[in-house]
Amino acid sequence: MEITAQQVKELREKTGAGMMDCKKALTEANGDFEKAIEVLRKKGAAVAAKRAERSANEGIILTKSLENGSKAVIVEVNCETDFVAKSDDFINFANFVLDAIAENQPKNIDELLALNHDGKSVQEELTAIIGKIGEKIEVSRFLIEKAENGVVVDYIHHGSKLAVLIRVDNVKDSGKSEITNLAKDFAMQVAAMKPFYVTRKEVSEDVLNKEKEIYKELARKEGKPEQILDKIADGKLNKFYQENCLIEQTSIKDNTKSVGVILGEYNKKNSSEAVIKLFHRFHISDEKK
């Protein structure tokens, strides 16, 4: 039978589900309004719509190493409460999403939700778990990182609320195992010390100028002469680099050395030029961009 726009509109107003979900439900129920509501409830669409405006600030972050360590995936899946984040249903769904990303390599969330993985629709599985659990659940972000001539190492902090991918390029096959172990330490460094950059070359002029102005103003208030303010600011910038650039941070594994010194020792030992190219740090409490 033909489903009219008015029927779809009425069902949407009654349940809060999306128009396409309502149309499909009415079609499946042969136009029977009450049966269509049951269809929507079973699929979780009505629940999903009602929870859409709520905050999903809990969840887990998962990673997966691929292609013999040259590629890795990181994904954040959110829910409303920590209780749900620890449930088997939620964790199983998050792992399903991780596997779907790893196997299909979608470019964004929309592509991910449109996938069919292991015989299941990602969007339908998301709708179903929302209906089953009764909380807002969303895949908020993911990344796929690949090294052409190096390694991508993953690290998940205990509790799966914080995870890191770190990429090291220019790795020789002979030193791959050693640099993988070192990169795991570097990933733990990123997790613990939260650097914003790999090296000082990545810090923009705008950031540097803003920092220098702050340092100079503080020095002025302390009564320092105007002619030495630039020198004072430059000295404080070095500390800024040591705190915010991974290469210059003191290693959490050996506080007598910086991360850069440790990497330099590896390169000297292996006659290589390995470099930390980038890192990604996902934390559940991060503000999403």
Protein backbone atom coordinates (compact mmCIF):
# COMPACT_ATOMS: atom_id res chain seq x y z
CA MET A 1 0.00 0.00 0.00
CA GLU A 2 1.01 3.61 -0.54
CA ILE A 3 2.41 5.47 2.49
CA THR A 4 1.41 9.14 2.52
CA ALA A 5 3.50 12.08 3.69
CA GLN A 6 0.83 12.83 6.30
CA GLN A 7 1.20 9.34 7.81
CA VAL A 8 4.96 9.79 7.97
CA LYS A 9 4.53 13.21 9.57
CA GLU A 10 2.15 11.90 12.23
CA LEU A 11 4.42 8.98 13.10
CA ARG A 12 7.40 11.30 13.33
CA GLU A 13 5.53 13.63 15.68
CA LYS A 14 4.45 10.68 17.81
CA THR A 15 7.85 9.01 18.12
CA GLY A 16 10.50 11.66 17.40
CA ALA A 17 12.17 9.32 14.88
CA GLY A 18 13.56 10.48 11.54
CA MET A 19 11.37 10.75 8.46
CA MET A 20 13.08 7.91 6.57
CA ASP A 21 12.88 5.66 9.64
CA CYS A 22 9.17 6.44 9.94
CA LYS A 23 8.50 5.73 6.27
CA LYS A 24 10.35 2.40 6.44
CA ALA A 25 8.49 1.43 9.61
CA LEU A 26 5.09 2.24 8.06
CA THR A 27 5.99 0.28 4.94
CA GLU A 28 7.09 -2.68 7.03
CA ALA A 29 3.84 -2.48 9.04
CA ASN A 30 1.68 -2.14 5.89
CA GLY A 31 0.45 1.24 7.10
CA ASP A 32 -0.58 0.03 10.55
CA PHE A 33 0.27 2.95 12.84
CA GLU A 34 0.67 0.98 16.08
CA LYS A 35 2.73 -1.75 14.43
CA ALA A 36 4.97 0.92 12.91
CA ILE A 37 5.60 2.31 16.40
CA GLU A 38 6.59 -1.17 17.54
CA VAL A 39 8.97 -1.48 14.58
CA LEU A 40 10.62 1.81 15.50
CA ARG A 41 10.93 0.84 19.12
CA LYS A 42 12.56 -2.41 18.21
CA LYS A 43 15.06 -0.66 16.01
CA GLY A 44 15.74 2.00 18.62
CA ALA A 45 15.10 4.88 16.26
CA ALA A 46 12.62 6.59 18.58
CA VAL A 47 15.02 6.35 21.48
CA ALA A 48 17.87 7.66 19.35
CA ALA A 49 15.89 10.71 18.36
CA LYS A 50 14.87 11.47 21.94
CA ARG A 51 18.48 11.16 23.17
CA ALA A 52 19.98 13.18 20.32
CA GLU A 53 20.25 16.42 22.28
CA ARG A 54 21.80 14.85 25.36
CA SER A 55 25.53 14.91 26.11
CA ALA A 56 27.63 11.81 25.57
CA ASN A 57 30.77 12.60 27.54
CA GLU A 58 31.71 9.10 28.64
CA GLY A 59 32.85 6.16 26.54
CA ILE A 60 35.99 4.38 25.43
CA ILE A 61 38.87 4.85 23.00
CA LEU A 62 40.17 1.84 21.11
CA THR A 63 43.15 1.30 18.81
CA LYS A 64 44.23 -1.40 16.39
CA SER A 65 47.61 -2.05 14.78
CA LEU A 66 47.55 -3.09 11.11
CA GLU A 67 49.89 -4.14 8.31
CA ASN A 68 52.72 -5.37 10.51
CA GLY A 69 52.85 -2.14 12.48
CA SER A 70 52.97 0.28 9.55
CA LYS A 71 49.35 1.39 10.02
CA ALA A 72 47.00 1.85 12.98
CA VAL A 73 43.46 2.98 13.74
CA ILE A 74 42.14 4.97 16.70
CA VAL A 75 38.45 5.55 17.43
CA GLU A 76 36.39 7.19 20.17
CA VAL A 77 32.88 5.91 20.89
CA ASN A 78 30.84 7.88 23.42
CA CYS A 79 27.88 7.26 25.72
CA GLU A 80 26.26 9.15 28.59
CA THR A 81 27.45 7.21 31.66
CA ASP A 82 30.56 5.37 32.79
CA PHE A 83 28.36 2.44 33.79
CA VAL A 84 27.32 1.91 30.16
CA ALA A 85 30.90 2.49 28.96
CA LYS A 86 31.92 -0.61 30.94
CA SER A 87 29.06 -2.80 29.71
CA ASP A 88 29.65 -5.73 27.36
CA ASP A 89 27.06 -4.47 24.84
CA PHE A 90 28.77 -1.09 24.51
CA ILE A 91 32.29 -2.54 24.37
CA ASN A 92 31.23 -5.09 21.74
CA PHE A 93 29.69 -2.33 19.63
CA ALA A 94 32.84 -0.19 19.93
CA ASN A 95 34.98 -3.13 18.79
CA PHE A 96 32.57 -3.73 15.88
CA VAL A 97 33.08 -0.10 14.84
CA LEU A 98 36.87 -0.42 15.20
CA ASP A 99 36.91 -3.50 12.98
CA ALA A 100 34.66 -1.80 10.42
CA ILE A 101 37.09 1.12 10.19
CA ALA A 102 40.14 -1.15 9.98
CA GLU A 103 38.67 -3.28 7.20
CA ASN A 104 36.91 -0.62 5.12
CA GLN A 105 39.02 2.52 5.63
CA PRO A 106 36.16 5.09 5.56
CA LYS A 107 37.13 8.75 5.14
CA ASN A 108 34.71 10.21 7.70
CA ILE A 109 31.89 9.39 10.14
CA ASP A 110 29.21 9.55 7.44
CA GLU A 111 31.06 6.98 5.33
CA LEU A 112 31.56 4.82 8.40
CA LEU A 113 27.87 4.81 9.32
CA ALA A 114 26.93 3.95 5.73
CA LEU A 115 29.12 0.81 5.77
CA ASN A 116 28.03 -2.79 5.91
CA HIS A 117 30.54 -4.78 7.92
CA ASP A 118 30.44 -8.48 8.67
CA GLY A 119 26.94 -8.62 7.21
CA LYS A 120 25.66 -5.79 9.42
CA SER A 121 24.87 -2.12 8.80
CA VAL A 122 26.92 0.14 11.07
CA GLN A 123 24.06 2.66 11.24
CA GLU A 124 21.51 -0.02 12.09
CA GLU A 125 23.78 -1.51 14.75
CA LEU A 126 24.18 1.96 16.27
CA THR A 127 20.41 2.53 16.25
CA ALA A 128 19.82 -0.90 17.77
CA ILE A 129 22.23 -0.43 20.66
CA ILE A 130 20.76 3.00 21.44
CA GLY A 131 17.36 1.37 21.64
CA LYS A 132 18.64 -1.47 23.78
CA ILE A 133 20.69 0.59 26.24
CA GLY A 134 18.56 3.73 26.27
CA GLU A 135 21.44 6.22 26.19
CA LYS A 136 22.81 8.49 23.52
CA ILE A 137 25.68 6.66 21.82
CA GLU A 138 27.84 8.11 19.07
CA VAL A 139 31.07 7.53 17.20
CA SER A 140 32.64 10.95 17.69
CA ARG A 141 35.95 10.63 15.82
CA PHE A 142 38.48 8.26 14.34
CA LEU A 143 41.79 8.39 12.51
CA ILE A 144 43.73 6.02 10.29
CA GLU A 145 47.48 6.66 10.30
CA LYS A 146 50.00 5.01 7.97
CA ALA A 147 53.80 5.20 7.76
CA GLU A 148 55.30 4.62 4.32
CA ASN A 149 58.74 3.73 5.65
CA GLY A 150 58.32 3.41 9.37
CA VAL A 151 56.00 2.35 12.19
CA VAL A 152 52.76 3.54 13.75
CA VAL A 153 52.57 2.46 17.38
CA ASP A 154 49.44 2.53 19.52
CA TYR A 155 49.08 2.86 23.27
CA ILE A 156 45.92 2.67 25.38
CA HIS A 157 46.07 3.88 28.96
CA HIS A 158 44.37 1.73 31.61
CA GLY A 159 40.62 2.21 31.48
CA SER A 160 40.50 3.00 27.74
CA LYS A 161 39.77 6.69 28.36
CA LEU A 162 43.05 7.85 26.84
CA ALA A 163 44.96 6.54 23.83
CA VAL A 164 47.78 7.61 21.53
CA LEU A 165 49.04 6.82 18.05
CA ILE A 166 52.60 7.84 17.27
CA ARG A 167 54.30 7.62 13.88
CA VAL A 168 58.05 7.22 13.39
CA ASP A 169 59.44 7.54 9.84
CA ASN A 170 62.77 6.54 8.22
CA VAL A 171 62.99 3.24 10.06
CA LYS A 172 65.38 0.54 8.84
CA ASP A 173 64.10 -3.03 8.88
CA SER A 174 67.05 -4.06 11.05
CA GLY A 175 66.02 -1.65 13.80
CA LYS A 176 62.24 -1.94 13.50
CA SER A 177 61.70 -4.06 16.61
CA GLU A 178 63.80 -1.73 18.77
CA ILE A 179 62.18 1.46 17.49
CA THR A 180 58.73 -0.06 17.99
CA ASN A 181 59.54 -0.55 21.67
CA LEU A 182 60.93 2.98 21.90
CA ALA A 183 57.87 4.38 20.14
CA LYS A 184 55.65 2.69 22.74
CA ASP A 185 57.59 4.61 25.40
CA PHE A 186 57.19 7.81 23.39
CA ALA A 187 53.44 7.17 23.08
CA MET A 188 53.24 6.75 26.86
CA GLN A 189 55.14 10.05 27.12
CA VAL A 190 52.50 11.76 24.98
CA ALA A 191 49.74 10.27 27.13
CA ALA A 192 51.34 11.35 30.41
CA MET A 193 52.89 14.73 29.54
CA LYS A 194 50.44 16.00 26.88
CA PRO A 195 52.80 17.76 24.47
CA PHE A 196 51.21 19.90 21.77
CA TYR A 197 53.99 19.60 19.19
CA VAL A 198 56.70 17.15 18.11
CA THR A 199 59.40 19.79 17.60
CA ARG A 200 59.71 23.55 18.07
CA LYS A 201 59.51 24.01 14.29
CA GLU A 202 55.78 23.24 14.51
CA VAL A 203 55.06 26.15 16.88
CA SER A 204 53.48 29.02 14.93
CA GLU A 205 54.75 32.59 15.04
CA ASP A 206 51.41 33.69 16.49
CA VAL A 207 51.80 31.32 19.45
CA LEU A 208 55.41 32.38 20.03
CA ASN A 209 54.59 36.09 19.87
CA LYS A 210 51.71 35.66 22.29
CA GLU A 211 53.91 33.74 24.73
CA LYS A 212 56.69 36.34 24.51
CA GLU A 213 54.27 39.18 25.19
CA ILE A 214 53.00 37.38 28.30
CA TYR A 215 56.56 36.79 29.56
CA LYS A 216 57.56 40.41 28.90
CA GLU A 217 54.48 41.77 30.67
CA LEU A 218 55.16 39.60 33.71
CA ALA A 219 58.77 40.81 33.77
CA ARG A 220 57.63 44.44 33.54
CA LYS A 221 55.38 43.94 36.55
CA GLU A 222 58.37 42.55 38.42
CA GLY A 223 60.23 45.81 37.68
CA LYS A 224 62.73 44.42 35.16
CA PRO A 225 64.39 47.01 32.84
CA GLU A 226 62.78 47.35 29.39
CA GLN A 227 66.06 46.66 27.55
CA ILE A 228 66.35 43.12 28.92
CA LEU A 229 62.72 42.03 28.49
CA ASP A 230 63.38 40.32 25.14
CA LYS A 231 66.24 38.32 26.63
CA ILE A 232 64.08 37.25 29.57
CA ALA A 233 61.26 36.26 27.20
CA ASP A 234 63.64 34.21 25.04
CA GLY A 235 64.84 32.35 28.12
CA LYS A 236 61.28 31.52 29.14
CA LEU A 237 60.51 30.35 25.61
CA ASN A 238 63.10 27.62 26.03
CA LYS A 239 61.12 26.34 29.00
CA PHE A 240 57.95 26.56 26.90
CA TYR A 241 59.58 24.33 24.27
CA GLN A 242 60.74 21.86 26.92
CA GLU A 243 57.22 21.56 28.29
CA ASN A 244 55.25 21.50 25.03
CA CYS A 245 57.48 19.85 22.40
CA LEU A 246 57.75 16.07 22.63
CA ILE A 247 61.37 15.92 21.45
CA GLU A 248 62.47 18.35 24.16
CA GLN A 249 60.52 16.87 27.06
CA THR A 250 62.36 14.99 29.79
CA SER A 251 61.69 11.29 29.32
CA ILE A 252 59.31 9.73 31.83
CA LYS A 253 61.35 6.52 31.53
CA ASP A 254 64.77 8.17 32.10
CA ASN A 255 64.75 11.63 33.67
CA THR A 256 68.41 12.18 32.80
CA LYS A 257 67.58 12.38 29.09
CA SER A 258 65.13 14.08 26.75
CA VAL A 259 63.05 12.15 24.23
CA GLY A 260 65.21 13.66 21.50
CA VAL A 261 68.43 12.40 23.10
CA ILE A 262 67.00 8.88 23.41
CA LEU A 263 65.95 8.90 19.75
CA GLY A 264 69.40 10.25 18.82
CA GLU A 265 71.07 7.37 20.64
CA TYR A 266 68.94 4.89 18.73
CA ASN A 267 69.88 6.54 15.42
CA LYS A 268 73.59 6.51 16.25
CA LYS A 269 73.46 2.83 17.23
CA ASN A 270 71.59 1.84 14.05
CA SER A 271 73.19 4.34 11.64
CA SER A 272 69.70 5.59 10.87
CA GLU A 273 67.75 8.85 10.65
CA ALA A 274 64.46 7.86 12.27
CA VAL A 275 62.21 10.80 13.12
CA ILE A 276 59.02 11.17 15.13
CA LYS A 277 56.71 12.49 12.43
CA LEU A 278 53.50 13.06 14.40
CA PHE A 279 51.22 11.83 17.15
CA HIS A 280 47.48 11.74 17.87
CA ARG A 281 46.25 11.92 21.45
CA PHE A 282 42.59 11.09 22.13
CA HIS A 283 41.17 11.66 25.60
CA ILE A 284 37.52 11.22 26.53
CA SER A 285 37.32 14.62 28.22
CA ASP A 286 38.85 16.48 25.25
CA GLU A 287 36.66 19.12 23.68
CA LYS A 288 35.65 17.86 20.24
CA LYS A 289 36.51 20.13 17.37
